[in-house]
Amino acid sequence: MALHVPRAPGFASMLKDGARHYAGLEEAVFRNIAACKEFSKTLKTAYGPQGRNKMVINHLEKLFVTNDAATIIKELEIEHPAAKLMVLASQMQEQEMGDGTNWVIMFAGALLEAAEDLIRMGLTPTDIAEGYQLAVDKALEVLPSLQCWEVTDTRNLEQVSKALRTAIMSKQFGNEDFLAKLVASACISILPEKTTFNVDNVRVCKILGSGIHKSEVVQGMVFQRTVEGSVTAKEKAKVAVYSCPFDVTTTETKGTVLIHTADELASFSRGEENRMEGDVKALADAGVTVVVAGGKIGDLALHYLNKYNIMAVRVTSKWDLRRLCKTVGATILPKLTCPTPEEIGLCDRVFMDEVGEIPVTIFRQEGEESRIATVIIRGSTDNYMDDIERAVVDAINTFKGLCRDGRCLPGAGSTEIELSRLIEQYGSQCPGLEQYAIKKFSESLRVFPKVLADNCGAGYQETLSNLLAAHTEGKKNAGFDCENEGSGVIDAAEKEIYDLYLTKYWAIKYATSAANQILRVDQIIMAKRAGGPKPRGMGAQDPDDD
């Protein structure tokens, strides 16, 4: 009997036909680095206040025009496993701080680019990863000493606005002062006394038309829909919230009714009407003046709601229903029963209004007890408003970071240059091969002012030498000036360009960790793809389903 001889030699003989594997420096390490370099090069041009926009069209033909790295990464379908590791690091940064995603990608890309030179010089990837680890430990040790300002009171509008400006400036250059004040007032108005700040408690509602400077903050919730009945406004409203349709209830089991005469038919339908009227009357007797339903509000139910002067609002999203309950302090009822006094929510004003010809229903809470604020964003196109929303969301996340730690570092690339200088000094004192990696780590940090200058159309070599000269003289807050021509050096602390300490801390940590992980990979083994189309969005949970 003849033995079956495997067709492929070596390692591939163990794997199924169609499986791929790459090994060694040339095939695995350099290919991984090349993919990551390309990826970070794509996002470099979107960095900073003058960063260019990317136009991304996703699998649903939806158009995104933005320079927000988190959105670009989310909508790109990245296949390469090494680039995916960088994406995971940036997603972790997005979850942790909500800002600084592009920083992570660019720094990880710069570290890998530097590592490629060192490997070609003869260092092993392990030596480089160890050197990078020493450098990152040193960076995180000296980072607190670069602090130039601190938010001492998170309820102080002026201090908070200053701290949020930079996060907004990178997305909406020119509108940062207005938006920072808007977001700061929304966040401060709902900041709880004892518990931590929850990002989801600041909602965003986008309404087309007018300009960005017509944007405003409303205490409470705003829905882009009209009311169902003829009652359009209520003061000091008592609110009952249902997650089910507000309609004639059908029985759980199927039932057959045998009707013999016309009288029986008339009394049968009248019974249904009486039942509906009884339900609505019970609500009116309990003092309920506004009914919010998660499903359809039937015509018959609407007739009786109008008769008893009860306002009816339909909210289709479970997410929004839950937020509304938090706003008014109500409990969601799963079926048509009369709520108890504890389950009824209270709202100062519920009314229908028009914002730029678009009807909206507003649940406004006045005074101190407001738990949710809504930022109404106005803009000329949907894409423009989406971009403003991203800037607002980044600023809200920055505020959450401020509540944890109010320390701020100088922005405009000055923190990176100062860190680079200190780590270079540290590297020159280190024995062993790690010193080369530490030196490259310090050089990689210089990519940020270089990219800032590049995106603003300034000469990056001249800018970099000016900045290094200023820092050597002891001006540790000297950063790149993206607004004026000339030497391009400003004092970031004087210009009030601040970066959050925590954002930088986590970004350095995640970027270096991703780069080290990619460097330590020496083999890629890819199984054969399963047949058929890949199911979309595996594991990604719809926020409405939580």
Protein backbone atom coordinates (compact mmCIF):
# COMPACT_ATOMS: atom_id res chain seq x y z
CA MET A 1 0.00 0.00 0.00
CA ALA A 2 1.46 3.34 -1.05
CA LEU A 3 1.83 5.99 1.63
CA HIS A 4 0.14 9.36 1.03
CA VAL A 5 2.89 11.93 0.53
CA PRO A 6 1.96 15.49 1.58
CA ARG A 7 2.12 17.87 -1.39
CA ALA A 8 3.55 20.85 0.46
CA PRO A 9 6.98 20.62 2.07
CA GLY A 10 7.91 21.79 5.57
CA PHE A 11 5.49 23.51 7.93
CA ALA A 12 2.68 23.75 5.35
CA SER A 13 2.43 19.95 5.24
CA MET A 14 0.70 20.03 8.65
CA LEU A 15 -1.92 22.57 7.62
CA LYS A 16 -5.01 22.24 5.47
CA ASP A 17 -4.80 23.15 1.80
CA GLY A 18 -5.28 26.87 1.35
CA ALA A 19 -3.80 27.83 4.76
CA ARG A 20 -1.05 30.44 4.61
CA HIS A 21 1.93 31.00 6.86
CA TYR A 22 4.71 33.55 6.95
CA ALA A 23 7.83 33.24 9.06
CA GLY A 24 11.17 34.93 9.70
CA LEU A 25 12.25 38.55 9.57
CA GLU A 26 11.61 39.23 5.89
CA GLU A 27 8.22 37.56 5.64
CA ALA A 28 6.66 38.21 9.04
CA VAL A 29 8.36 41.04 10.95
CA PHE A 30 9.09 43.43 8.06
CA ARG A 31 5.72 42.76 6.43
CA ASN A 32 3.94 43.52 9.70
CA ILE A 33 5.94 46.73 10.13
CA ALA A 34 5.24 47.77 6.52
CA ALA A 35 1.47 47.31 7.01
CA CYS A 36 1.50 49.31 10.26
CA LYS A 37 3.61 52.07 8.67
CA GLU A 38 1.10 52.41 5.82
CA PHE A 39 -1.77 52.52 8.29
CA SER A 40 -0.20 55.24 10.45
CA LYS A 41 0.80 57.20 7.29
CA THR A 42 -2.90 57.27 6.29
CA LEU A 43 -3.90 58.85 9.60
CA LYS A 44 -0.95 61.23 9.94
CA THR A 45 -2.50 63.83 7.64
CA ALA A 46 -5.63 63.92 9.82
CA TYR A 47 -3.70 64.92 12.97
CA GLY A 48 -3.92 68.32 14.59
CA PRO A 49 -6.12 71.39 14.13
CA GLN A 50 -5.17 71.74 10.45
CA GLY A 51 -5.52 68.00 9.81
CA ARG A 52 -7.14 67.07 6.52
CA ASN A 53 -10.43 65.20 6.32
CA LYS A 54 -10.84 61.66 5.04
CA MET A 55 -13.83 60.61 2.99
CA VAL A 56 -14.83 57.08 3.99
CA ILE A 57 -17.73 55.20 2.42
CA ASN A 58 -18.63 52.13 4.46
CA HIS A 59 -20.28 48.85 3.44
CA LEU A 60 -23.75 50.42 3.76
CA GLU A 61 -22.83 53.23 1.33
CA LYS A 62 -22.87 55.73 4.22
CA LEU A 63 -20.54 58.66 3.69
CA PHE A 64 -18.21 59.93 6.43
CA VAL A 65 -16.17 63.10 5.99
CA THR A 66 -14.04 63.52 9.09
CA ASN A 67 -10.54 63.83 10.56
CA ASP A 68 -11.53 61.94 13.71
CA ALA A 69 -9.27 58.89 13.82
CA ALA A 70 -11.68 56.80 15.93
CA THR A 71 -14.42 57.14 13.29
CA ILE A 72 -12.05 56.46 10.38
CA ILE A 73 -10.69 53.33 12.09
CA LYS A 74 -14.18 52.09 12.94
CA GLU A 75 -15.41 52.41 9.36
CA LEU A 76 -12.31 51.00 7.64
CA GLU A 77 -12.35 47.23 7.30
CA ILE A 78 -8.78 46.34 8.21
CA GLU A 79 -7.70 42.84 7.25
CA HIS A 80 -4.02 42.74 8.19
CA PRO A 81 -3.56 41.05 11.60
CA ALA A 82 -0.70 43.35 12.72
CA ALA A 83 -2.59 46.51 11.77
CA LYS A 84 -5.56 45.06 13.69
CA LEU A 85 -3.41 45.02 16.85
CA MET A 86 -2.85 48.77 16.42
CA VAL A 87 -6.59 49.24 15.89
CA LEU A 88 -7.28 47.37 19.14
CA ALA A 89 -4.85 49.63 21.01
CA SER A 90 -6.53 52.75 19.63
CA GLN A 91 -10.00 51.36 20.46
CA MET A 92 -8.82 50.77 24.01
CA GLN A 93 -7.68 54.41 24.15
CA GLU A 94 -11.11 55.47 22.83
CA GLN A 95 -12.84 53.48 25.59
CA GLU A 96 -10.49 54.68 28.31
CA MET A 97 -10.32 58.39 27.45
CA GLY A 98 -12.47 59.02 24.35
CA ASP A 99 -9.65 61.03 22.76
CA GLY A 100 -6.07 60.53 21.56
CA THR A 101 -6.76 57.62 19.18
CA ASN A 102 -4.71 59.12 16.35
CA TRP A 103 -1.83 59.72 18.79
CA VAL A 104 -1.73 55.98 19.58
CA ILE A 105 -1.70 54.92 15.91
CA MET A 106 0.95 57.47 14.92
CA PHE A 107 3.25 56.71 17.83
CA ALA A 108 2.98 52.93 17.40
CA GLY A 109 3.73 53.40 13.68
CA ALA A 110 6.76 55.62 14.44
CA LEU A 111 8.12 53.08 16.97
CA LEU A 112 7.81 50.25 14.44
CA GLU A 113 9.46 52.32 11.72
CA ALA A 114 12.39 53.00 14.06
CA ALA A 115 12.51 49.31 15.02
CA GLU A 116 12.90 48.33 11.35
CA ASP A 117 16.18 50.34 11.13
CA LEU A 118 17.46 48.73 14.32
CA ILE A 119 16.64 45.19 13.13
CA ARG A 120 18.48 45.87 9.86
CA MET A 121 21.44 47.05 11.98
CA GLY A 122 21.48 43.65 13.70
CA LEU A 123 19.47 44.07 16.90
CA THR A 124 16.91 41.41 17.71
CA PRO A 125 13.24 42.38 18.05
CA THR A 126 13.38 41.24 21.71
CA ASP A 127 16.20 43.70 22.50
CA ILE A 128 14.22 46.49 20.89
CA ALA A 129 11.01 45.60 22.76
CA GLU A 130 12.93 45.56 26.05
CA GLY A 131 14.50 48.95 25.27
CA TYR A 132 11.09 50.39 24.41
CA GLN A 133 9.74 49.07 27.72
CA LEU A 134 12.52 50.78 29.67
CA ALA A 135 11.87 54.00 27.76
CA VAL A 136 8.11 53.92 28.38
CA ASP A 137 8.65 53.31 32.10
CA LYS A 138 10.93 56.34 32.21
CA ALA A 139 8.44 58.42 30.17
CA LEU A 140 5.56 57.65 32.53
CA GLU A 141 7.82 58.44 35.50
CA VAL A 142 8.76 61.94 34.23
CA LEU A 143 5.37 62.77 32.68
CA PRO A 144 3.82 64.23 35.90
CA SER A 145 6.75 66.68 36.20
CA LEU A 146 5.72 68.32 32.89
CA GLN A 147 2.36 69.45 34.33
CA CYS A 148 1.74 73.14 33.58
CA TRP A 149 -1.80 73.69 34.90
CA GLU A 150 -4.56 71.93 36.85
CA VAL A 151 -8.34 72.09 36.95
CA THR A 152 -9.02 72.48 40.67
CA ASP A 153 -12.81 72.81 40.47
CA THR A 154 -14.78 70.76 37.92
CA ARG A 155 -17.83 72.99 38.51
CA ASN A 156 -15.99 76.14 37.42
CA LEU A 157 -17.14 76.96 33.87
CA GLU A 158 -14.07 79.01 32.96
CA GLN A 159 -11.55 76.38 34.11
CA VAL A 160 -13.40 73.50 32.44
CA SER A 161 -13.83 75.43 29.15
CA LYS A 162 -10.06 76.04 29.05
CA ALA A 163 -9.34 72.35 29.50
CA LEU A 164 -11.84 71.24 26.82
CA ARG A 165 -10.69 73.71 24.14
CA THR A 166 -7.81 71.60 22.82
CA ALA A 167 -9.90 68.42 22.44
CA ILE A 168 -12.39 70.38 20.31
CA MET A 169 -9.73 72.38 18.46
CA SER A 170 -8.32 69.29 16.77
CA LYS A 171 -11.74 68.56 15.14
CA GLN A 172 -13.40 71.99 14.90
CA PHE A 173 -10.62 74.55 14.54
CA GLY A 174 -12.06 78.06 14.87
CA ASN A 175 -15.18 77.05 16.81
CA GLU A 176 -13.38 75.73 19.90
CA ASP A 177 -14.23 78.61 22.26
CA PHE A 178 -17.95 78.49 21.55
CA LEU A 179 -18.21 74.67 21.65
CA ALA A 180 -16.00 74.34 24.76
CA LYS A 181 -18.29 76.69 26.67
CA LEU A 182 -21.38 74.86 25.39
CA VAL A 183 -20.12 71.41 26.40
CA ALA A 184 -18.71 72.66 29.72
CA SER A 185 -22.05 74.20 30.72
CA ALA A 186 -23.91 70.98 29.72
CA CYS A 187 -21.52 68.75 31.71
CA ILE A 188 -21.39 70.97 34.81
CA SER A 189 -25.20 71.30 34.93
CA ILE A 190 -25.65 67.54 35.41
CA LEU A 191 -22.49 66.73 37.41
CA PRO A 192 -23.69 64.62 40.36
CA GLU A 193 -22.56 65.39 43.91
CA LYS A 194 -21.45 61.92 45.01
CA THR A 195 -21.37 59.49 42.09
CA THR A 196 -19.06 59.73 39.06
CA PHE A 197 -19.93 61.60 35.89
CA ASN A 198 -21.61 59.43 33.22
CA VAL A 199 -20.83 60.33 29.61
CA ASP A 200 -24.22 59.04 28.41
CA ASN A 201 -26.05 61.68 30.43
CA VAL A 202 -25.15 64.37 27.91
CA ARG A 203 -27.21 63.66 24.81
CA VAL A 204 -26.73 65.16 21.35
CA CYS A 205 -29.58 66.15 19.04
CA LYS A 206 -28.71 67.31 15.50
CA ILE A 207 -31.11 69.66 13.72
CA LEU A 208 -30.40 70.80 10.18
CA GLY A 209 -30.27 74.48 9.29
CA SER A 210 -28.91 77.77 10.65
CA GLY A 211 -25.26 77.79 11.80
CA ILE A 212 -23.10 76.19 14.48
CA HIS A 213 -23.41 79.31 16.67
CA LYS A 214 -27.14 78.68 17.05
CA SER A 215 -26.36 75.46 18.95
CA GLU A 216 -27.63 75.42 22.54
CA VAL A 217 -27.97 73.31 25.68
CA VAL A 218 -31.37 72.14 26.94
CA GLN A 219 -31.79 70.69 30.44
CA GLY A 220 -33.67 67.47 29.78
CA MET A 221 -34.40 65.48 26.63
CA VAL A 222 -35.16 66.59 23.06
CA PHE A 223 -36.80 64.27 20.52
CA GLN A 224 -37.07 65.04 16.81
CA ARG A 225 -40.74 64.13 16.50
CA THR A 226 -44.18 65.61 16.97
CA VAL A 227 -46.69 64.71 19.69
CA GLU A 228 -49.37 62.17 18.75
CA GLY A 229 -52.59 63.84 19.96
CA SER A 230 -53.94 67.36 19.99
CA VAL A 231 -52.44 68.32 23.40
CA THR A 232 -49.07 69.97 22.73
CA ALA A 233 -47.85 71.37 26.06
CA LYS A 234 -48.01 70.59 29.79
CA GLU A 235 -46.52 72.39 32.79
CA LYS A 236 -45.48 70.47 35.94
CA ALA A 237 -46.29 67.25 34.11
CA LYS A 238 -46.72 63.82 35.64
CA VAL A 239 -45.30 61.27 33.17
CA ALA A 240 -46.19 57.60 32.70
CA VAL A 241 -43.77 55.63 30.48
CA TYR A 242 -44.73 52.39 28.70
CA SER A 243 -42.40 50.16 26.69
CA CYS A 244 -45.39 48.52 24.94
CA PRO A 245 -47.82 49.97 22.35
CA PHE A 246 -50.62 52.08 23.89
CA ASP A 247 -53.49 50.35 22.13
CA VAL A 248 -56.34 47.86 22.61
CA THR A 249 -54.66 44.84 24.17
CA THR A 250 -54.88 41.52 22.38
CA THR A 251 -55.03 38.33 24.46
CA GLU A 252 -51.98 36.14 24.91
CA THR A 253 -53.86 33.04 23.71
CA LYS A 254 -56.07 32.80 20.66
CA GLY A 255 -59.75 32.96 21.48
CA THR A 256 -62.84 32.53 19.31
CA VAL A 257 -66.00 34.48 20.05
CA LEU A 258 -69.30 33.26 18.61
CA ILE A 259 -71.70 36.13 18.00
CA HIS A 260 -75.35 35.41 17.14
CA THR A 261 -77.05 38.79 16.95
CA ALA A 262 -76.25 42.39 15.97
CA ASP A 263 -76.77 43.48 19.58
CA GLU A 264 -74.10 41.09 20.75
CA LEU A 265 -71.68 42.50 18.15
CA ALA A 266 -72.44 46.09 19.22
CA SER A 267 -71.97 45.29 22.91
CA PHE A 268 -68.76 43.35 22.15
CA SER A 269 -67.06 46.32 20.46
CA ARG A 270 -68.48 48.68 23.10
CA GLY A 271 -66.87 46.53 25.76
CA GLU A 272 -63.50 47.11 24.10
CA GLU A 273 -64.11 50.85 24.03
CA ASN A 274 -65.22 50.91 27.67
CA ARG A 275 -62.11 48.98 28.68
CA MET A 276 -59.86 51.50 26.85
CA GLU A 277 -61.72 54.44 28.37
CA GLY A 278 -61.42 52.85 31.81
CA ASP A 279 -57.62 52.54 31.37
CA VAL A 280 -57.25 56.18 30.28
CA LYS A 281 -59.61 57.43 33.01
CA ALA A 282 -57.55 55.57 35.61
CA LEU A 283 -54.44 57.39 34.34
CA ALA A 284 -56.26 60.76 34.51
CA ASP A 285 -57.45 59.98 38.05
CA ALA A 286 -53.86 59.13 39.07
CA GLY A 287 -52.87 62.64 37.93
CA VAL A 288 -50.93 61.54 34.81
CA THR A 289 -50.82 64.34 32.22
CA VAL A 290 -48.25 62.93 29.76
CA VAL A 291 -48.10 59.38 28.37
CA VAL A 292 -44.94 58.16 26.62
CA ALA A 293 -45.20 54.88 24.69
CA GLY A 294 -42.47 52.77 23.12
CA GLY A 295 -44.83 51.43 20.44
CA LYS A 296 -47.83 52.52 18.39
CA ILE A 297 -50.50 54.65 20.01
CA GLY A 298 -53.84 53.40 18.63
CA ASP A 299 -56.54 55.69 17.22
CA LEU A 300 -59.06 54.68 19.86
CA ALA A 301 -56.54 55.24 22.66
CA LEU A 302 -55.67 58.62 21.15
CA HIS A 303 -59.32 59.63 21.11
CA TYR A 304 -59.67 58.98 24.85
CA LEU A 305 -56.28 60.58 25.66
CA ASN A 306 -57.46 63.75 23.90
CA LYS A 307 -60.81 63.53 25.71
CA TYR A 308 -59.09 63.45 29.11
CA ASN A 309 -56.57 66.15 28.04
CA ILE A 310 -53.53 63.85 28.31
CA MET A 311 -50.50 64.53 26.09
CA ALA A 312 -49.25 61.51 24.10
CA VAL A 313 -45.64 61.11 22.90
CA ARG A 314 -44.21 58.14 21.02
CA VAL A 315 -40.50 57.31 21.47
CA THR A 316 -39.39 54.39 19.31
CA SER A 317 -35.90 53.80 20.73
CA LYS A 318 -35.56 51.73 23.91
CA TRP A 319 -32.30 53.59 24.52
CA ASP A 320 -34.09 56.95 24.50
CA LEU A 321 -36.94 55.57 26.66
CA ARG A 322 -34.42 54.56 29.30
CA ARG A 323 -32.75 57.98 29.17
CA LEU A 324 -36.15 59.69 29.44
CA CYS A 325 -37.01 57.65 32.53
CA LYS A 326 -33.75 58.79 34.08
CA THR A 327 -34.57 62.41 33.20
CA VAL A 328 -38.06 62.44 34.73
CA GLY A 329 -37.53 59.76 37.39
CA ALA A 330 -40.16 57.36 36.05
CA THR A 331 -40.26 53.55 35.83
CA ILE A 332 -40.86 51.83 32.48
CA LEU A 333 -44.07 49.79 32.55
CA PRO A 334 -44.11 46.71 30.28
CA LYS A 335 -47.92 46.52 29.96
CA LEU A 336 -50.94 48.79 30.05
CA THR A 337 -51.55 49.15 33.76
CA CYS A 338 -52.09 52.25 35.85
CA PRO A 339 -48.76 53.31 37.42
CA THR A 340 -48.33 53.67 41.18
CA PRO A 341 -47.27 57.12 42.51
CA GLU A 342 -43.63 55.86 42.75
CA GLU A 343 -43.63 54.84 39.08
CA ILE A 344 -44.84 58.23 37.82
CA GLY A 345 -42.13 60.67 36.68
CA LEU A 346 -42.19 64.44 37.16
CA CYS A 347 -41.16 66.99 34.55
CA ASP A 348 -41.26 70.80 34.78
CA ARG A 349 -42.34 71.34 31.18
CA VAL A 350 -43.22 69.03 28.30
CA PHE A 351 -43.97 70.90 25.12
CA MET A 352 -43.76 70.79 21.35
CA ASP A 353 -41.56 73.36 19.67
CA GLU A 354 -40.07 74.07 16.28
CA VAL A 355 -36.35 74.41 15.72
CA GLY A 356 -35.67 75.61 12.19
CA GLU A 357 -38.95 74.22 10.78
CA ILE A 358 -38.30 70.82 12.36
CA PRO A 359 -40.84 69.88 15.05
CA VAL A 360 -39.31 68.68 18.32
CA THR A 361 -40.77 67.51 21.61
CA ILE A 362 -38.86 68.80 24.63
CA PHE A 363 -38.91 67.39 28.17
CA ARG A 364 -37.34 70.27 30.07
CA GLN A 365 -36.18 69.99 33.67
CA GLU A 366 -35.51 73.33 35.30
CA GLY A 367 -33.54 73.87 38.46
CA GLU A 368 -30.96 71.73 40.17
CA GLU A 369 -32.51 68.28 39.84
CA SER A 370 -31.80 67.85 36.10
CA ARG A 371 -29.95 64.60 35.49
CA ILE A 372 -29.65 64.74 31.70
CA ALA A 373 -28.71 67.59 29.38
CA THR A 374 -29.09 67.69 25.60
CA VAL A 375 -26.80 69.63 23.29
CA ILE A 376 -28.77 70.77 20.23
CA ILE A 377 -26.32 71.04 17.34
CA ARG A 378 -27.21 73.19 14.33
CA GLY A 379 -25.38 73.02 11.03
CA SER A 380 -25.74 73.36 7.29
CA THR A 381 -25.28 69.69 6.30
CA ASP A 382 -25.61 66.31 8.00
CA ASN A 383 -21.91 65.54 7.51
CA TYR A 384 -20.89 68.82 9.12
CA MET A 385 -23.16 68.17 12.12
CA ASP A 386 -21.78 64.63 12.47
CA ASP A 387 -18.29 66.10 12.68
CA ILE A 388 -19.37 68.65 15.29
CA GLU A 389 -20.98 65.80 17.23
CA ARG A 390 -17.65 63.91 17.26
CA ALA A 391 -15.89 66.99 18.64
CA VAL A 392 -18.61 67.36 21.31
CA VAL A 393 -18.38 63.67 22.28
CA ASP A 394 -14.57 63.94 22.58
CA ALA A 395 -14.98 66.99 24.82
CA ILE A 396 -17.54 65.19 27.02
CA ASN A 397 -15.08 62.30 27.44
CA THR A 398 -12.32 64.79 28.29
CA PHE A 399 -14.58 66.23 30.99
CA LYS A 400 -14.99 62.73 32.42
CA GLY A 401 -11.18 62.46 32.50
CA LEU A 402 -10.99 65.84 34.28
CA CYS A 403 -13.29 64.51 37.00
CA ARG A 404 -10.78 61.70 37.63
CA ASP A 405 -7.62 63.80 37.40
CA GLY A 406 -7.52 67.53 36.64
CA ARG A 407 -3.82 67.75 35.73
CA CYS A 408 -2.97 69.21 32.31
CA LEU A 409 0.19 69.10 30.21
CA PRO A 410 1.21 71.71 27.62
CA GLY A 411 -0.12 70.87 24.13
CA ALA A 412 1.03 71.83 20.61
CA GLY A 413 3.73 69.12 20.63
CA SER A 414 5.67 70.60 23.56
CA THR A 415 5.13 67.63 25.91
CA GLU A 416 6.44 65.23 23.24
CA ILE A 417 9.59 67.31 22.56
CA GLU A 418 10.37 67.65 26.28
CA LEU A 419 9.80 63.91 26.86
CA SER A 420 12.00 63.15 23.84
CA ARG A 421 14.81 65.30 25.30
CA LEU A 422 14.60 63.71 28.77
CA ILE A 423 14.47 60.15 27.41
CA GLU A 424 17.45 60.80 25.11
CA GLN A 425 19.48 61.89 28.18
CA TYR A 426 18.32 58.75 30.02
CA GLY A 427 19.28 56.53 27.05
CA SER A 428 22.84 57.85 26.93
CA GLN A 429 23.35 56.67 30.54
CA CYS A 430 22.05 53.13 29.86
CA PRO A 431 24.52 50.31 29.20
CA GLY A 432 23.77 47.48 26.78
CA LEU A 433 21.97 47.27 23.46
CA GLU A 434 18.75 48.73 24.88
CA GLN A 435 20.21 52.24 24.66
CA TYR A 436 19.73 52.18 20.86
CA ALA A 437 16.05 51.37 21.25
CA ILE A 438 15.66 54.07 23.95
CA LYS A 439 17.26 56.62 21.59
CA LYS A 440 14.86 55.59 18.81
CA PHE A 441 11.94 55.88 21.24
CA SER A 442 12.93 59.49 21.94
CA GLU A 443 13.22 60.19 18.18
CA SER A 444 9.78 58.65 17.57
CA LEU A 445 8.23 61.20 19.95
CA ARG A 446 9.38 63.98 17.60
CA VAL A 447 7.00 62.75 14.92
CA PHE A 448 4.15 64.79 16.48
CA PRO A 449 5.48 68.36 16.09
CA LYS A 450 6.82 67.26 12.69
CA VAL A 451 3.34 66.13 11.55
CA LEU A 452 1.72 69.26 13.04
CA ALA A 453 4.11 71.41 11.01
CA ASP A 454 3.61 69.28 7.88
CA ASN A 455 -0.18 69.54 8.07
CA CYS A 456 0.04 73.32 8.48
CA GLY A 457 2.34 73.67 5.47
CA ALA A 458 5.38 74.76 7.52
CA GLY A 459 8.88 73.36 7.03
CA TYR A 460 9.13 70.54 9.54
CA GLN A 461 12.94 70.41 9.80
CA GLU A 462 13.21 74.10 10.66
CA THR A 463 10.28 73.80 13.09
CA LEU A 464 11.83 70.80 14.83
CA SER A 465 15.23 72.48 15.25
CA ASN A 466 13.57 75.67 16.58
CA LEU A 467 11.56 73.64 19.11
CA LEU A 468 14.58 71.57 20.22
CA ALA A 469 16.61 74.77 20.65
CA ALA A 470 13.84 76.36 22.76
CA HIS A 471 13.58 73.25 24.98
CA THR A 472 17.35 73.04 25.40
CA GLU A 473 17.23 76.62 26.70
CA GLY A 474 14.78 75.44 29.37
CA LYS A 475 11.49 76.59 27.80
CA LYS A 476 9.73 73.32 28.49
CA ASN A 477 6.30 74.60 27.36
CA ALA A 478 7.50 75.64 23.88
CA GLY A 479 5.21 74.18 21.23
CA PHE A 480 4.42 74.58 17.55
CA ASP A 481 2.30 77.56 16.48
CA CYS A 482 -0.13 76.42 13.81
CA GLU A 483 -1.76 79.83 13.33
CA ASN A 484 1.03 82.23 12.40
CA GLU A 485 3.94 82.21 10.00
CA GLY A 486 7.42 82.76 11.35
CA SER A 487 9.57 80.70 13.69
CA GLY A 488 6.49 78.69 14.65
CA VAL A 489 7.35 78.50 18.38
CA ILE A 490 4.86 79.56 21.08
CA ASP A 491 4.44 79.00 24.80
CA ALA A 492 1.61 76.43 24.90
CA ALA A 493 0.74 77.22 28.54
CA GLU A 494 0.41 80.96 27.80
CA LYS A 495 -1.75 80.26 24.74
CA GLU A 496 -3.88 77.92 26.91
CA ILE A 497 -3.30 74.86 24.73
CA TYR A 498 -3.60 72.02 27.23
CA ASP A 499 -3.62 68.25 26.85
CA LEU A 500 -5.11 66.09 29.56
CA TYR A 501 -2.45 64.25 31.58
CA LEU A 502 -4.46 61.00 31.63
CA THR A 503 -4.96 61.03 27.83
CA LYS A 504 -1.20 61.21 27.26
CA TYR A 505 -0.48 58.66 29.99
CA TRP A 506 -2.75 55.97 28.51
CA ALA A 507 -1.82 56.81 24.89
CA ILE A 508 1.91 56.28 25.57
CA LYS A 509 1.14 53.06 27.41
CA TYR A 510 -1.17 51.56 24.76
CA ALA A 511 0.95 52.61 21.75
CA THR A 512 4.17 51.11 23.16
CA SER A 513 2.39 47.96 24.25
CA ALA A 514 0.94 47.47 20.72
CA ALA A 515 4.33 48.13 19.06
CA ASN A 516 6.09 45.65 21.38
CA GLN A 517 3.46 43.02 20.74
CA ILE A 518 3.84 43.39 16.97
CA LEU A 519 7.66 43.23 17.25
CA ARG A 520 7.53 39.98 19.19
CA VAL A 521 5.60 38.21 16.41
CA ASP A 522 7.86 36.10 14.21
CA GLN A 523 5.33 33.89 12.48
CA ILE A 524 1.85 34.41 11.04
CA ILE A 525 -0.29 31.33 10.45
CA MET A 526 -3.61 31.93 8.73
CA ALA A 527 -6.18 29.17 8.43
CA LYS A 528 -8.09 28.71 5.22
CA ARG A 529 -11.09 31.01 5.03
CA ALA A 530 -14.45 29.37 5.58
CA GLY A 531 -16.70 29.45 2.52
CA GLY A 532 -19.64 31.81 2.09
CA PRO A 533 -19.99 35.45 3.01
CA LYS A 534 -18.77 36.54 6.42
CA PRO A 535 -21.58 37.52 8.82
CA ARG A 536 -21.47 41.26 9.49
CA GLY A 537 -20.84 42.77 12.87
CA MET A 538 -20.13 39.59 14.81
CA GLY A 539 -19.95 40.46 18.48
CA ALA A 540 -20.79 44.12 17.97
CA GLN A 541 -23.85 44.72 20.06
CA ASP A 542 -26.48 47.18 19.02
CA PRO A 543 -26.70 49.86 21.76
CA ASP A 544 -30.50 49.59 21.65
CA ASP A 545 -30.35 45.94 22.73
CA ASP A 546 -28.44 46.26 25.99
